[in-house]
Structures are given as structure tokens and as C-alpha cells.
Protein backbone atom coordinates (compact mmCIF):
# COMPACT_ATOMS: atom_id res chain seq x y z
CA UNK A 1 23.41 -59.22 -0.38
CA UNK A 2 21.22 -62.34 -0.30
CA UNK A 3 23.04 -63.61 2.77
CA UNK A 4 22.48 -60.27 4.53
CA UNK A 5 18.73 -60.46 3.78
CA UNK A 6 18.57 -64.10 5.03
CA UNK A 7 20.27 -63.21 8.28
CA UNK A 8 18.13 -60.09 8.96
CA UNK A 9 14.73 -61.02 7.44
CA UNK A 10 12.92 -60.50 10.71
CA UNK A 11 14.24 -56.88 10.95
CA UNK A 12 13.16 -56.14 7.38
CA UNK A 13 9.71 -57.63 8.08
CA UNK A 14 9.36 -55.54 11.25
CA UNK A 15 10.34 -52.36 9.34
CA UNK A 16 7.79 -53.17 6.63
CA UNK A 17 5.00 -53.71 9.19
CA UNK A 18 5.87 -50.48 11.02
CA UNK A 19 5.88 -48.57 7.71
CA UNK A 20 2.45 -49.95 6.76
CA UNK A 21 0.98 -49.08 10.17
CA UNK A 22 2.32 -45.50 9.99
CA UNK A 23 1.05 -45.05 6.43
CA UNK A 24 -2.42 -46.39 7.38
CA UNK A 25 -2.54 -44.11 10.41
CA UNK A 26 -1.59 -41.01 8.35
CA UNK A 27 -4.03 -41.66 5.50
CA UNK A 28 -6.92 -42.94 7.64
CA UNK A 29 -6.68 -40.09 10.13
CA UNK A 30 -7.00 -37.50 7.36
CA UNK A 31 -10.09 -39.11 5.82
CA UNK A 32 -12.32 -38.98 8.86
CA UNK A 33 -15.05 -36.43 8.31
CA UNK A 34 -17.14 -35.16 11.15
CA UNK A 35 -20.60 -33.89 10.38
CA UNK A 36 -22.40 -31.97 13.05
CA UNK A 37 -26.10 -31.45 12.59
CA UNK A 38 -27.40 -28.19 14.02
CA UNK A 39 -30.50 -28.31 16.19
CA UNK A 40 -33.70 -27.83 14.21
CA UNK A 41 -34.45 -24.38 15.66
CA UNK A 42 -30.96 -23.04 14.94
CA UNK A 43 -30.96 -24.43 11.39
CA UNK A 44 -34.31 -22.80 10.64
CA UNK A 45 -33.08 -19.45 11.94
CA UNK A 46 -29.95 -19.62 9.80
CA UNK A 47 -31.94 -20.61 6.73
CA UNK A 48 -34.37 -17.72 7.24
CA UNK A 49 -31.53 -15.25 7.67
CA UNK A 50 -29.80 -16.47 4.54
CA UNK A 51 -33.03 -16.31 2.57
CA UNK A 52 -33.62 -12.76 3.78
CA UNK A 53 -30.18 -11.78 2.49
CA UNK A 54 -30.90 -13.39 -0.85
CA UNK A 55 -34.30 -11.68 -1.18
CA UNK A 56 -33.04 -8.23 -0.12
CA UNK A 57 -32.82 -5.66 -2.92
CA UNK A 58 -29.36 -4.81 -4.11
CA UNK A 59 -27.88 -1.60 -2.76
CA UNK A 60 -27.99 1.04 -5.44
CA UNK A 61 -25.30 3.55 -6.21
CA UNK A 62 -27.68 6.35 -5.21
CA UNK A 63 -27.72 5.07 -1.61
CA UNK A 64 -23.96 5.37 -1.25
CA UNK A 65 -22.42 8.70 -0.23
CA UNK A 66 -20.63 10.56 -2.98
CA UNK A 67 -16.85 10.51 -2.86
CA UNK A 68 -15.23 13.89 -2.29
CA UNK A 69 -13.64 15.35 -5.42
CA UNK A 70 -9.90 14.77 -5.61
CA UNK A 71 -7.84 17.70 -4.48
CA UNK A 72 -5.46 19.02 -7.06
CA UNK A 73 -2.67 21.47 -6.77
CA UNK A 74 -3.43 24.99 -7.96
CA UNK A 75 -2.72 25.49 -11.62
CA UNK A 76 -1.00 28.35 -13.37
CA UNK A 77 -4.40 29.68 -14.42
CA UNK A 78 -5.30 30.41 -10.78
CA UNK A 79 -2.26 32.64 -10.30
CA UNK A 80 -0.02 29.91 -8.90
CA UNK A 81 3.38 28.95 -10.28
CA UNK A 82 4.22 25.55 -11.68
CA UNK A 83 6.10 24.11 -8.72
CA UNK A 84 6.92 20.96 -10.69
CA UNK A 85 9.71 22.97 -12.37
CA UNK A 86 11.67 22.40 -9.17
CA UNK A 87 13.62 19.18 -9.46
CA UNK A 88 12.56 16.71 -6.77
CA UNK A 89 9.11 18.24 -6.35
CA UNK A 90 6.54 15.98 -7.99
CA UNK A 91 2.73 16.01 -8.07
CA UNK A 92 2.30 14.48 -4.61
CA UNK A 93 4.57 17.02 -2.97
CA UNK A 94 2.94 19.81 -4.97
CA UNK A 95 -0.46 18.71 -3.63
CA UNK A 96 0.89 18.63 -0.06
CA UNK A 97 2.36 22.10 -0.43
CA UNK A 98 -0.92 23.38 -1.89
CA UNK A 99 -2.73 22.09 1.21
CA UNK A 100 -0.30 24.15 3.29
CA UNK A 101 -1.00 27.24 1.19
CA UNK A 102 2.27 27.20 -0.75
CA UNK A 103 1.59 27.77 -4.43
CA UNK A 104 4.31 30.05 -5.79
CA UNK A 105 8.01 29.92 -6.41
CA UNK A 106 8.50 33.23 -4.59
CA UNK A 107 7.09 31.71 -1.39
CA UNK A 108 9.62 28.87 -1.53
CA UNK A 109 12.44 31.29 -2.47
CA UNK A 110 11.72 33.32 0.69
CA UNK A 111 12.04 30.38 3.10
CA UNK A 112 14.61 30.63 5.88
CA UNK A 113 15.97 27.71 7.94
CA UNK A 114 13.12 27.86 10.47
CA UNK A 115 10.50 27.82 7.72
CA UNK A 116 12.26 24.93 5.97
CA UNK A 117 12.23 22.96 9.23
CA UNK A 118 8.54 23.73 9.80
CA UNK A 119 7.49 22.68 6.29
CA UNK A 120 9.84 19.69 6.23
CA UNK A 121 8.29 18.32 9.42
CA UNK A 122 4.91 18.20 7.68
CA UNK A 123 6.09 16.38 4.55
CA UNK A 124 5.84 12.89 6.07
CA UNK A 125 7.82 10.34 4.08
CA UNK A 126 9.29 13.12 1.92
CA UNK A 127 11.16 14.72 4.84
CA UNK A 128 14.59 16.00 3.94
CA UNK A 129 13.80 16.64 0.27
CA UNK A 130 13.83 20.43 0.64
CA UNK A 131 17.51 20.62 1.61
CA UNK A 132 18.64 17.55 -0.31
CA UNK A 133 17.23 18.84 -3.60
CA UNK A 134 17.97 22.51 -2.77
CA UNK A 135 14.43 23.73 -3.45
CA UNK A 136 15.06 27.24 -2.13
CA UNK A 137 17.92 27.95 -4.54
CA UNK A 138 15.99 26.42 -7.44
CA UNK A 139 12.95 28.54 -6.58
CA UNK A 140 15.08 31.73 -6.35
CA UNK A 141 16.51 31.19 -9.82
CA UNK A 142 13.15 30.24 -11.33
CA UNK A 143 11.28 33.11 -9.64
CA UNK A 144 13.84 35.64 -10.86
CA UNK A 145 13.48 34.29 -14.41
CA UNK A 146 17.17 33.43 -14.69
CA UNK A 147 16.61 30.25 -16.67
CA UNK A 148 20.21 30.01 -17.95
CA UNK A 149 21.68 30.11 -14.42
CA UNK A 150 19.09 27.53 -13.33
CA UNK A 151 20.00 25.17 -16.20
CA UNK A 152 23.71 25.73 -15.58
CA UNK A 153 23.42 24.78 -11.90
CA UNK A 154 20.61 22.20 -11.94
CA UNK A 155 20.46 21.03 -15.56
CA UNK A 156 17.61 21.21 -18.03
CA UNK A 157 14.16 20.55 -16.69
């Protein structure tokens, strides 16, 4: 090993010098900071604008427009059925159906293929749930009051 170093000392020295130059270039280049001073007129304008923002009164809650009340699905008290009894029909879908005027199990039970396609097209990311979860058959059994047949076919709710 010592003989190898003695024969190639000039190559090792050149590699060391190149390494030091590269390291100096990397670290020195990153430490240069450039400061640009804005013209006096522009600096005064910016300072005045910032001060105006600081001195401005805070916006009060009264100034902001009131948020619209959240829309909820019709409840059983308003004459509507509890559509959440249908498996696969959660609160978001119930709200969407309420916006379309669908609030009872008998309405869903009366759907034909054309009506299913029309409603399904308006369900957005929930498309396909009506047929996949068999809402019409569930609604028919629930609307008729045949709870045992419903539980036999679709399980307990």
C-alpha cells in the first residue's frame, strides 16, 4: 500500500486539490447574499401601504354575509319516510334525493327503468347505487310494511 502511494502521490495530490476546489465552490456559491435596495420613493410607498393595513380596523363578523342554513333531508315529522332504512342510501344520498323531490318509500317503489336511469344520472359519484343495492325492491317491501320479507331478503337494518 505504501509503495502504491509513493508511486502515485501526484495523482492523490491532484484529486485532493480538485476536491477542495469543488467544495469551496459549492459552499461559497451558496453563501453569497444579494441585497437590493429599493428606490426611496418605492420604499416609502410600500411602507405607507403596509402601515395602512396595520392601522385598518379588523373586519367584524357583522360585515360578512351570513352562511345559508344547511339543507337537511325531510324528516318523518314532515310526512316523509325515513329513506335511510334502504341499505346503501345514506344521509348524503338522502339529501340529494330530497333536493330532487323524492322523500317517500312509495316514490322509490314506483320507479321504472327510465326513472331509475333519470335519477341515477343525477347522483354524481353515487351513480349505479340504485340498481346495485336494489333500492326499488327494498322500497317496495318497506312501503308495504312487510318487514319480515325485507329482513329475509336484505337482512336486518
